[in-house]
Amino acid sequence: MRKIILASSSPRRADLLRQIGLPFDICVRPVDESCPPGLPPHVLVEVLAARKAAAVAETAGEGLIIGADTVVVRRKQVLGKPDDENEAVRMLQNLSGGAHAVFTGLALLDAASGRSLVRHEKTRVHFKRLAEDEIRRYVATGEPLDKAGSYGAQGRGAVFVRGIEGCYSNVVGLPLSLLAEMLKEFGRPVI
C-alpha cells in the first residue's frame, strides 16, 4: 500500500487526516507562491496546491502526496494569511457582518507515476457583526495569525460564524469528502 504524504505543516490539516484514521507522513518543501494577478480564486488554490505536492514529489520518490492551499474571498478580494496583527484586524473588520467564500485547492500526486488529480472545494461562511474590541481581543490571542482570512472556525473564531453552506472541513483547510473521493480514484479508499 502506497504511503500518504501531507505536503503541509498545518496542524489543522494533520488533525483532520488523523480524524479519519488515515496514516500519513509530513514533508514540506519551499515553493514559489507567486501567481499572476487576477487568477480566479479556484484556479489560484489549485495551482498552489499542485506546486506544493510537486515540490515534495521531487524528493519523495514514492507515495501519494497531498498538497492543499486555502484562501478566503470577500467581495472579490482574496485574503490569505495576515502579515501581522494590524492586517488581521483589517481582515476581520472586512468579514464582519457578511458572507465570504472559502476555497481550498487539493492536489493528489502519485510520486512514482506522476499521475495527479487537482480539484477545489468552495464553502460559504456567514459571519456575525463583530465589535471592534471583540476583534482586537481575538487577534491578541494569536490564533488568527496563521490562518487564511484571519480566523479559525475550529478554534475561538468559531464564535464569529453564524452559518456554513458546504463542507465544514474545507473551512478548516482540508475538504475531507473531496479528498476521500480523490483517494478512491487512486485505489486508496478511506473507508
C-alpha atoms as a PDB file:
ATOM      1  CA  MET A   1       0.000   0.000   0.000  1.00  0.00           C
ATOM      2  CA  ARG A   2       1.371   3.403  -1.010  1.00  0.00           C
ATOM      3  CA  LYS A   3       2.166   5.717   1.864  1.00  0.00           C
ATOM      4  CA  ILE A   4       0.399   9.056   2.165  1.00  0.00           C
ATOM      5  CA  ILE A   5       2.486  12.232   2.482  1.00  0.00           C
ATOM      6  CA  LEU A   6       0.949  15.512   3.558  1.00  0.00           C
ATOM      7  CA  ALA A   7       2.804  18.413   1.907  1.00  0.00           C
ATOM      8  CA  SER A   8       1.752  20.855   4.620  1.00  0.00           C
ATOM      9  CA  SER A   9       2.933  21.916   8.051  1.00  0.00           C
ATOM     10  CA  SER A  10      -0.615  22.897   9.073  1.00  0.00           C
ATOM     11  CA  PRO A  11      -1.507  21.225  12.371  1.00  0.00           C
ATOM     12  CA  ARG A  12      -5.179  21.568  11.412  1.00  0.00           C
ATOM     13  CA  ARG A  13      -4.727  19.550   8.218  1.00  0.00           C
ATOM     14  CA  ALA A  14      -2.817  16.886  10.127  1.00  0.00           C
ATOM     15  CA  ASP A  15      -5.592  16.737  12.754  1.00  0.00           C
ATOM     16  CA  LEU A  16      -8.209  16.275  10.025  1.00  0.00           C
ATOM     17  CA  LEU A  17      -6.273  13.368   8.488  1.00  0.00           C
ATOM     18  CA  ARG A  18      -5.950  11.770  11.933  1.00  0.00           C
ATOM     19  CA  GLN A  19      -9.688  12.284  12.467  1.00  0.00           C
ATOM     20  CA  ILE A  20     -10.463   9.990   9.518  1.00  0.00           C
ATOM     21  CA  GLY A  21      -7.828   7.443  10.548  1.00  0.00           C
ATOM     22  CA  LEU A  22      -5.524   7.992   7.592  1.00  0.00           C
ATOM     23  CA  PRO A  23      -1.867   7.166   8.373  1.00  0.00           C
ATOM     24  CA  PHE A  24       0.497   9.715   6.843  1.00  0.00           C
ATOM     25  CA  ASP A  25       3.900  11.351   6.977  1.00  0.00           C
ATOM     26  CA  ILE A  26       4.551  15.073   6.703  1.00  0.00           C
ATOM     27  CA  CYS A  27       7.050  16.555   4.274  1.00  0.00           C
ATOM     28  CA  VAL A  28       7.164  20.214   3.342  1.00  0.00           C
ATOM     29  CA  ARG A  29       9.329  21.806   0.663  1.00  0.00           C
ATOM     30  CA  PRO A  30       9.536  25.514  -0.151  1.00  0.00           C
ATOM     31  CA  VAL A  31       7.546  26.650  -3.184  1.00  0.00           C
ATOM     32  CA  ASP A  32       7.115  29.877  -5.075  1.00  0.00           C
ATOM     33  CA  GLU A  33       3.617  31.063  -4.143  1.00  0.00           C
ATOM     34  CA  SER A  34       3.583  33.993  -6.549  1.00  0.00           C
ATOM     35  CA  CYS A  35       0.906  33.852  -9.234  1.00  0.00           C
ATOM     36  CA  PRO A  36      -0.229  36.177 -11.994  1.00  0.00           C
ATOM     37  CA  PRO A  37      -2.669  38.794 -10.699  1.00  0.00           C
ATOM     38  CA  GLY A  38      -6.329  38.288 -11.459  1.00  0.00           C
ATOM     39  CA  LEU A  39      -6.407  34.485 -11.299  1.00  0.00           C
ATOM     40  CA  PRO A  40      -9.844  33.309 -10.177  1.00  0.00           C
ATOM     41  CA  PRO A  41      -9.655  32.009  -6.574  1.00  0.00           C
ATOM     42  CA  HIS A  42     -10.418  28.402  -7.513  1.00  0.00           C
ATOM     43  CA  VAL A  43      -7.593  28.428 -10.076  1.00  0.00           C
ATOM     44  CA  LEU A  44      -5.190  30.115  -7.641  1.00  0.00           C
ATOM     45  CA  VAL A  45      -5.678  27.485  -4.922  1.00  0.00           C
ATOM     46  CA  GLU A  46      -5.435  24.618  -7.412  1.00  0.00           C
ATOM     47  CA  VAL A  47      -2.175  25.970  -8.851  1.00  0.00           C
ATOM     48  CA  LEU A  48      -0.633  26.410  -5.394  1.00  0.00           C
ATOM     49  CA  ALA A  49      -1.812  23.014  -4.130  1.00  0.00           C
ATOM     50  CA  ALA A  50      -0.291  21.355  -7.206  1.00  0.00           C
ATOM     51  CA  ARG A  51       3.013  23.203  -6.705  1.00  0.00           C
ATOM     52  CA  LYS A  52       3.205  22.077  -3.077  1.00  0.00           C
ATOM     53  CA  ALA A  53       2.581  18.435  -3.989  1.00  0.00           C
ATOM     54  CA  ALA A  54       5.047  18.556  -6.898  1.00  0.00           C
ATOM     55  CA  ALA A  55       7.797  20.049  -4.725  1.00  0.00           C
ATOM     56  CA  VAL A  56       7.531  17.138  -2.292  1.00  0.00           C
ATOM     57  CA  ALA A  57       7.295  14.573  -5.119  1.00  0.00           C
ATOM     58  CA  GLU A  58      10.710  15.682  -6.423  1.00  0.00           C
ATOM     59  CA  THR A  59      12.388  14.148  -3.379  1.00  0.00           C
ATOM     60  CA  ALA A  60       9.828  11.580  -2.158  1.00  0.00           C
ATOM     61  CA  GLY A  61      10.266   9.062  -4.957  1.00  0.00           C
ATOM     62  CA  GLU A  62       7.077   7.238  -3.990  1.00  0.00           C
ATOM     63  CA  GLY A  63       3.804   7.734  -2.163  1.00  0.00           C
ATOM     64  CA  LEU A  64       0.569   9.658  -2.627  1.00  0.00           C
ATOM     65  CA  ILE A  65       1.241  13.297  -1.887  1.00  0.00           C
ATOM     66  CA  ILE A  66      -1.489  15.648  -0.697  1.00  0.00           C
ATOM     67  CA  GLY A  67      -1.000  19.327  -1.460  1.00  0.00           C
ATOM     68  CA  ALA A  68      -3.502  21.932  -0.281  1.00  0.00           C
ATOM     69  CA  ASP A  69      -3.941  25.680  -0.308  1.00  0.00           C
ATOM     70  CA  THR A  70      -6.764  27.725   1.229  1.00  0.00           C
ATOM     71  CA  VAL A  71      -7.908  31.309   0.722  1.00  0.00           C
ATOM     72  CA  VAL A  72     -10.864  33.379   1.873  1.00  0.00           C
ATOM     73  CA  VAL A  73     -12.652  35.593  -0.646  1.00  0.00           C
ATOM     74  CA  ARG A  74     -14.835  38.566   0.282  1.00  0.00           C
ATOM     75  CA  ARG A  75     -16.167  40.956  -2.383  1.00  0.00           C
ATOM     76  CA  LYS A  76     -13.721  39.522  -4.957  1.00  0.00           C
ATOM     77  CA  GLN A  77     -10.780  40.242  -2.632  1.00  0.00           C
ATOM     78  CA  VAL A  78      -8.567  37.240  -1.865  1.00  0.00           C
ATOM     79  CA  LEU A  79      -7.495  37.059   1.773  1.00  0.00           C
ATOM     80  CA  GLY A  80      -4.613  34.774   2.624  1.00  0.00           C
ATOM     81  CA  LYS A  81      -2.765  34.653   5.937  1.00  0.00           C
ATOM     82  CA  PRO A  82      -2.239  38.056   7.548  1.00  0.00           C
ATOM     83  CA  ASP A  83       1.267  39.514   7.625  1.00  0.00           C
ATOM     84  CA  ASP A  84       0.766  40.947  11.103  1.00  0.00           C
ATOM     85  CA  GLU A  85      -1.834  41.803  13.762  1.00  0.00           C
ATOM     86  CA  ASN A  86      -2.909  45.013  12.019  1.00  0.00           C
ATOM     87  CA  GLU A  87      -3.687  43.146   8.820  1.00  0.00           C
ATOM     88  CA  ALA A  88      -5.586  40.506  10.818  1.00  0.00           C
ATOM     89  CA  VAL A  89      -7.727  43.258  12.351  1.00  0.00           C
ATOM     90  CA  ARG A  90      -8.462  44.723   8.901  1.00  0.00           C
ATOM     91  CA  MET A  91      -9.413  41.308   7.513  1.00  0.00           C
ATOM     92  CA  LEU A  92     -11.804  40.614  10.369  1.00  0.00           C
ATOM     93  CA  GLN A  93     -13.353  44.068  10.000  1.00  0.00           C
ATOM     94  CA  ASN A  94     -13.893  43.235   6.330  1.00  0.00           C
ATOM     95  CA  LEU A  95     -15.539  39.878   7.146  1.00  0.00           C
ATOM     96  CA  SER A  96     -17.732  41.280   9.930  1.00  0.00           C
ATOM     97  CA  GLY A  97     -21.479  41.012   9.355  1.00  0.00           C
ATOM     98  CA  GLY A  98     -21.279  39.462   5.905  1.00  0.00           C
ATOM     99  CA  ALA A  99     -20.699  36.295   3.954  1.00  0.00           C
ATOM    100  CA  HIS A 100     -17.495  35.120   2.344  1.00  0.00           C
ATOM    101  CA  ALA A 101     -16.243  32.095   0.438  1.00  0.00           C
ATOM    102  CA  VAL A 102     -13.501  29.718   1.476  1.00  0.00           C
ATOM    103  CA  PHE A 103     -11.682  27.986  -1.383  1.00  0.00           C
ATOM    104  CA  THR A 104      -9.291  25.092  -0.859  1.00  0.00           C
ATOM    105  CA  GLY A 105      -7.309  23.639  -3.721  1.00  0.00           C
ATOM    106  CA  LEU A 106      -6.480  19.970  -3.313  1.00  0.00           C
ATOM    107  CA  ALA A 107      -3.813  18.108  -5.276  1.00  0.00           C
ATOM    108  CA  LEU A 108      -3.170  14.391  -5.043  1.00  0.00           C
ATOM    109  CA  LEU A 109       0.005  13.239  -6.778  1.00  0.00           C
ATOM    110  CA  ASP A 110       1.469   9.755  -7.115  1.00  0.00           C
ATOM    111  CA  ALA A 111       5.206  10.446  -6.836  1.00  0.00           C
ATOM    112  CA  ALA A 112       6.209   7.230  -8.635  1.00  0.00           C
ATOM    113  CA  SER A 113       3.963   7.513 -11.706  1.00  0.00           C
ATOM    114  CA  GLY A 114       3.421  11.273 -11.841  1.00  0.00           C
ATOM    115  CA  ARG A 115      -0.356  10.790 -12.080  1.00  0.00           C
ATOM    116  CA  SER A 116      -2.222  13.606 -10.404  1.00  0.00           C
ATOM    117  CA  LEU A 117      -5.668  14.945  -9.652  1.00  0.00           C
ATOM    118  CA  VAL A 118      -6.248  18.602  -8.839  1.00  0.00           C
ATOM    119  CA  ARG A 119      -9.611  19.901  -7.637  1.00  0.00           C
ATOM    120  CA  HIS A 120     -11.085  22.501  -5.320  1.00  0.00           C
ATOM    121  CA  GLU A 121     -13.862  22.960  -2.794  1.00  0.00           C
ATOM    122  CA  LYS A 122     -15.859  26.119  -2.102  1.00  0.00           C
ATOM    123  CA  THR A 123     -17.760  26.796   1.111  1.00  0.00           C
ATOM    124  CA  ARG A 124     -19.809  29.870   2.015  1.00  0.00           C
ATOM    125  CA  VAL A 125     -19.417  31.202   5.562  1.00  0.00           C
ATOM    126  CA  HIS A 126     -21.672  33.776   7.254  1.00  0.00           C
ATOM    127  CA  PHE A 127     -20.152  35.962   9.979  1.00  0.00           C
ATOM    128  CA  LYS A 128     -21.949  37.836  12.732  1.00  0.00           C
ATOM    129  CA  ARG A 129     -21.300  41.540  13.128  1.00  0.00           C
ATOM    130  CA  LEU A 130     -18.129  41.934  15.208  1.00  0.00           C
ATOM    131  CA  ALA A 131     -17.425  44.694  17.709  1.00  0.00           C
ATOM    132  CA  GLU A 132     -14.040  46.408  17.426  1.00  0.00           C
ATOM    133  CA  ASP A 133     -12.959  45.307  20.918  1.00  0.00           C
ATOM    134  CA  GLU A 134     -14.002  41.724  20.130  1.00  0.00           C
ATOM    135  CA  ILE A 135     -11.791  41.733  17.028  1.00  0.00           C
ATOM    136  CA  ARG A 136      -8.803  43.144  18.912  1.00  0.00           C
ATOM    137  CA  ARG A 137      -9.141  40.667  21.806  1.00  0.00           C
ATOM    138  CA  TYR A 138      -9.314  37.780  19.331  1.00  0.00           C
ATOM    139  CA  VAL A 139      -6.282  38.973  17.372  1.00  0.00           C
ATOM    140  CA  ALA A 140      -4.365  39.359  20.662  1.00  0.00           C
ATOM    141  CA  THR A 141      -4.773  35.596  21.269  1.00  0.00           C
ATOM    142  CA  GLY A 142      -2.506  34.964  18.257  1.00  0.00           C
ATOM    143  CA  GLU A 143      -4.918  32.391  16.826  1.00  0.00           C
ATOM    144  CA  PRO A 144      -5.712  34.258  13.588  1.00  0.00           C
ATOM    145  CA  LEU A 145      -2.117  34.973  12.588  1.00  0.00           C
ATOM    146  CA  ASP A 146      -1.511  31.725  10.671  1.00  0.00           C
ATOM    147  CA  LYS A 147      -4.921  31.335   9.069  1.00  0.00           C
ATOM    148  CA  ALA A 148      -6.394  32.449   5.767  1.00  0.00           C
ATOM    149  CA  GLY A 149      -8.881  35.227   6.446  1.00  0.00           C
ATOM    150  CA  SER A 150      -7.519  35.642   9.990  1.00  0.00           C
ATOM    151  CA  TYR A 151      -9.848  33.250  11.789  1.00  0.00           C
ATOM    152  CA  GLY A 152     -10.073  29.617  12.784  1.00  0.00           C
ATOM    153  CA  ALA A 153     -13.557  28.074  12.634  1.00  0.00           C
ATOM    154  CA  GLN A 154     -12.192  25.124  14.626  1.00  0.00           C
ATOM    155  CA  GLY A 155     -10.949  27.382  17.439  1.00  0.00           C
ATOM    156  CA  ARG A 156     -12.040  30.555  19.178  1.00  0.00           C
ATOM    157  CA  GLY A 157     -13.027  32.047  15.830  1.00  0.00           C
ATOM    158  CA  ALA A 158     -15.984  29.640  15.809  1.00  0.00           C
ATOM    159  CA  VAL A 159     -17.956  32.192  17.844  1.00  0.00           C
ATOM    160  CA  PHE A 160     -17.952  34.536  14.826  1.00  0.00           C
ATOM    161  CA  VAL A 161     -19.529  32.001  12.457  1.00  0.00           C
ATOM    162  CA  ARG A 162     -23.326  32.267  12.136  1.00  0.00           C
ATOM    163  CA  GLY A 163     -23.617  29.601   9.473  1.00  0.00           C
ATOM    164  CA  ILE A 164     -21.819  27.493   6.887  1.00  0.00           C
ATOM    165  CA  GLU A 165     -23.082  26.378   3.493  1.00  0.00           C
ATOM    166  CA  GLY A 166     -20.989  23.467   2.323  1.00  0.00           C
ATOM    167  CA  CYS A 167     -18.062  21.483   3.682  1.00  0.00           C
ATOM    168  CA  TYR A 168     -17.004  22.381   7.238  1.00  0.00           C
ATOM    169  CA  SER A 169     -13.593  20.679   6.979  1.00  0.00           C
ATOM    170  CA  ASN A 170     -12.897  22.860   3.929  1.00  0.00           C
ATOM    171  CA  VAL A 171     -13.171  25.923   6.173  1.00  0.00           C
ATOM    172  CA  VAL A 172     -10.585  24.338   8.475  1.00  0.00           C
ATOM    173  CA  GLY A 173      -8.277  23.792   5.477  1.00  0.00           C
ATOM    174  CA  LEU A 174      -8.781  20.281   4.068  1.00  0.00           C
ATOM    175  CA  PRO A 175     -12.064  19.183   2.430  1.00  0.00           C
ATOM    176  CA  LEU A 176     -12.239  15.590   3.644  1.00  0.00           C
ATOM    177  CA  SER A 177     -15.112  14.439   1.448  1.00  0.00           C
ATOM    178  CA  LEU A 178     -13.322  15.639  -1.695  1.00  0.00           C
ATOM    179  CA  LEU A 179     -10.055  14.095  -0.512  1.00  0.00           C
ATOM    180  CA  ALA A 180     -11.792  10.750   0.077  1.00  0.00           C
ATOM    181  CA  GLU A 181     -13.216  10.833  -3.471  1.00  0.00           C
ATOM    182  CA  MET A 182      -9.774  11.570  -4.907  1.00  0.00           C
ATOM    183  CA  LEU A 183      -8.067   8.847  -2.860  1.00  0.00           C
ATOM    184  CA  LYS A 184     -10.707   6.368  -4.038  1.00  0.00           C
ATOM    185  CA  GLU A 185      -9.816   7.244  -7.655  1.00  0.00           C
ATOM    186  CA  PHE A 186      -6.238   6.218  -6.794  1.00  0.00           C
ATOM    187  CA  GLY A 187      -7.466   2.916  -5.377  1.00  0.00           C
ATOM    188  CA  ARG A 188      -6.954   4.018  -1.781  1.00  0.00           C
ATOM    189  CA  PRO A 189     -10.417   4.283  -0.175  1.00  0.00           C
ATOM    190  CA  VAL A 190     -10.560   5.931   3.232  1.00  0.00           C
ATOM    191  CA  ILE A 191     -13.396   3.691   4.436  1.00  0.00           C
END
